[in-house]
């Protein structure tokens, strides 16, 4: 039997390639809004972030998500990411 291919994505903060399910996608919609995409299927430009508190805090400090999404990411998005991590 063939093994299924596991989709890998790259965390924009750590530059590690890991399975897609171990990352959270943040997306800039065509309207210019920034949202957390838990389904991984929302329309727009996406950036993947690891599910660790240190990585989220580093993203907030270095503003790397702002550069990848080419828009200013609001504080509420970082708060939402931290809440998602704490719930898991």
C-alpha atoms as a PDB file:
ATOM      1  CA  UNK A   1       0.000   0.000   0.000  1.00  0.00           C
ATOM      2  CA  UNK A   2       1.175   3.521  -0.785  1.00  0.00           C
ATOM      3  CA  UNK A   3       1.843   5.852   2.099  1.00  0.00           C
ATOM      4  CA  UNK A   4       0.055   9.174   1.953  1.00  0.00           C
ATOM      5  CA  UNK A   5       2.194  12.220   1.484  1.00  0.00           C
ATOM      6  CA  UNK A   6       2.178  14.481   4.553  1.00  0.00           C
ATOM      7  CA  UNK A   7       2.000  18.151   3.524  1.00  0.00           C
ATOM      8  CA  UNK A   8       4.876  20.165   4.987  1.00  0.00           C
ATOM      9  CA  UNK A   9       4.829  23.913   5.569  1.00  0.00           C
ATOM     10  CA  UNK A  10       7.492  26.327   6.751  1.00  0.00           C
ATOM     11  CA  UNK A  11       7.127  28.399   9.913  1.00  0.00           C
ATOM     12  CA  UNK A  12       7.916  32.019   8.974  1.00  0.00           C
ATOM     13  CA  UNK A  13       9.565  32.649  12.364  1.00  0.00           C
ATOM     14  CA  UNK A  14      11.751  29.558  12.901  1.00  0.00           C
ATOM     15  CA  UNK A  15      12.138  28.561   9.209  1.00  0.00           C
ATOM     16  CA  UNK A  16      11.494  24.923  10.157  1.00  0.00           C
ATOM     17  CA  UNK A  17       9.578  22.651   7.806  1.00  0.00           C
ATOM     18  CA  UNK A  18       6.982  20.706   9.795  1.00  0.00           C
ATOM     19  CA  UNK A  19       3.670  18.945   9.035  1.00  0.00           C
ATOM     20  CA  UNK A  20       0.861  21.385   8.269  1.00  0.00           C
ATOM     21  CA  UNK A  21      -1.224  20.190  11.251  1.00  0.00           C
ATOM     22  CA  UNK A  22       1.469  21.359  13.692  1.00  0.00           C
ATOM     23  CA  UNK A  23       1.204  24.975  12.506  1.00  0.00           C
ATOM     24  CA  UNK A  24      -1.361  27.769  12.676  1.00  0.00           C
ATOM     25  CA  UNK A  25      -2.146  29.764   9.538  1.00  0.00           C
ATOM     26  CA  UNK A  26      -2.597  33.520   9.696  1.00  0.00           C
ATOM     27  CA  UNK A  27      -4.174  34.965   6.557  1.00  0.00           C
ATOM     28  CA  UNK A  28      -4.577  38.399   4.989  1.00  0.00           C
ATOM     29  CA  UNK A  29      -7.908  38.388   3.181  1.00  0.00           C
ATOM     30  CA  UNK A  30      -8.383  40.075  -0.217  1.00  0.00           C
ATOM     31  CA  UNK A  31     -10.144  42.885   1.702  1.00  0.00           C
ATOM     32  CA  UNK A  32      -6.949  43.507   3.694  1.00  0.00           C
ATOM     33  CA  UNK A  33      -8.112  42.102   7.045  1.00  0.00           C
ATOM     34  CA  UNK A  34      -5.884  39.772   9.068  1.00  0.00           C
ATOM     35  CA  UNK A  35      -7.483  36.630  10.518  1.00  0.00           C
ATOM     36  CA  UNK A  36      -6.439  33.378  12.159  1.00  0.00           C
ATOM     37  CA  UNK A  37      -7.293  30.489   9.814  1.00  0.00           C
ATOM     38  CA  UNK A  38      -7.751  27.235  11.729  1.00  0.00           C
ATOM     39  CA  UNK A  39      -9.173  25.420   8.677  1.00  0.00           C
ATOM     40  CA  UNK A  40      -6.216  26.296   6.441  1.00  0.00           C
ATOM     41  CA  UNK A  41      -8.543  27.000   3.529  1.00  0.00           C
ATOM     42  CA  UNK A  42      -9.457  30.687   3.772  1.00  0.00           C
ATOM     43  CA  UNK A  43      -8.891  32.838   0.733  1.00  0.00           C
ATOM     44  CA  UNK A  44      -5.884  35.179   0.808  1.00  0.00           C
ATOM     45  CA  UNK A  45      -2.177  35.370   1.518  1.00  0.00           C
ATOM     46  CA  UNK A  46      -1.174  33.055   4.355  1.00  0.00           C
ATOM     47  CA  UNK A  47       1.747  32.660   6.715  1.00  0.00           C
ATOM     48  CA  UNK A  48       2.327  29.694   9.016  1.00  0.00           C
ATOM     49  CA  UNK A  49       3.444  29.965  12.649  1.00  0.00           C
ATOM     50  CA  UNK A  50       4.466  27.172  15.049  1.00  0.00           C
ATOM     51  CA  UNK A  51       2.141  26.342  17.933  1.00  0.00           C
ATOM     52  CA  UNK A  52       4.466  27.475  20.716  1.00  0.00           C
ATOM     53  CA  UNK A  53       4.194  30.483  22.987  1.00  0.00           C
ATOM     54  CA  UNK A  54       7.857  31.489  22.426  1.00  0.00           C
ATOM     55  CA  UNK A  55       7.378  31.612  18.649  1.00  0.00           C
ATOM     56  CA  UNK A  56       4.234  33.760  18.917  1.00  0.00           C
ATOM     57  CA  UNK A  57       5.976  36.198  21.265  1.00  0.00           C
ATOM     58  CA  UNK A  58       8.992  36.348  18.926  1.00  0.00           C
ATOM     59  CA  UNK A  59       6.673  37.043  15.969  1.00  0.00           C
ATOM     60  CA  UNK A  60       5.085  39.885  17.923  1.00  0.00           C
ATOM     61  CA  UNK A  61       8.465  41.343  18.867  1.00  0.00           C
ATOM     62  CA  UNK A  62      10.152  41.109  15.445  1.00  0.00           C
ATOM     63  CA  UNK A  63       7.010  41.936  13.384  1.00  0.00           C
ATOM     64  CA  UNK A  64       7.915  39.198  10.883  1.00  0.00           C
ATOM     65  CA  UNK A  65       4.240  38.430  10.284  1.00  0.00           C
ATOM     66  CA  UNK A  66       3.730  42.051   9.236  1.00  0.00           C
ATOM     67  CA  UNK A  67       6.401  41.653   6.553  1.00  0.00           C
ATOM     68  CA  UNK A  68       5.126  38.294   5.283  1.00  0.00           C
ATOM     69  CA  UNK A  69       1.509  39.418   5.073  1.00  0.00           C
ATOM     70  CA  UNK A  70       2.503  42.896   3.823  1.00  0.00           C
ATOM     71  CA  UNK A  71       0.100  44.567   6.291  1.00  0.00           C
ATOM     72  CA  UNK A  72       0.173  45.640   9.944  1.00  0.00           C
ATOM     73  CA  UNK A  73      -0.993  42.746  12.155  1.00  0.00           C
ATOM     74  CA  UNK A  74      -3.214  43.938  15.048  1.00  0.00           C
ATOM     75  CA  UNK A  75      -2.443  42.997  18.683  1.00  0.00           C
ATOM     76  CA  UNK A  76      -5.738  41.052  18.857  1.00  0.00           C
ATOM     77  CA  UNK A  77      -4.388  38.472  16.383  1.00  0.00           C
ATOM     78  CA  UNK A  78      -1.395  37.709  18.624  1.00  0.00           C
ATOM     79  CA  UNK A  79      -3.737  37.463  21.638  1.00  0.00           C
ATOM     80  CA  UNK A  80      -5.992  35.074  19.701  1.00  0.00           C
ATOM     81  CA  UNK A  81      -2.982  32.914  18.721  1.00  0.00           C
ATOM     82  CA  UNK A  82      -1.860  32.713  22.358  1.00  0.00           C
ATOM     83  CA  UNK A  83      -5.397  31.705  23.433  1.00  0.00           C
ATOM     84  CA  UNK A  84      -5.493  28.951  20.797  1.00  0.00           C
ATOM     85  CA  UNK A  85      -2.161  27.573  22.025  1.00  0.00           C
ATOM     86  CA  UNK A  86      -3.270  27.624  25.681  1.00  0.00           C
ATOM     87  CA  UNK A  87      -6.472  25.702  24.844  1.00  0.00           C
ATOM     88  CA  UNK A  88      -4.571  22.803  23.266  1.00  0.00           C
END
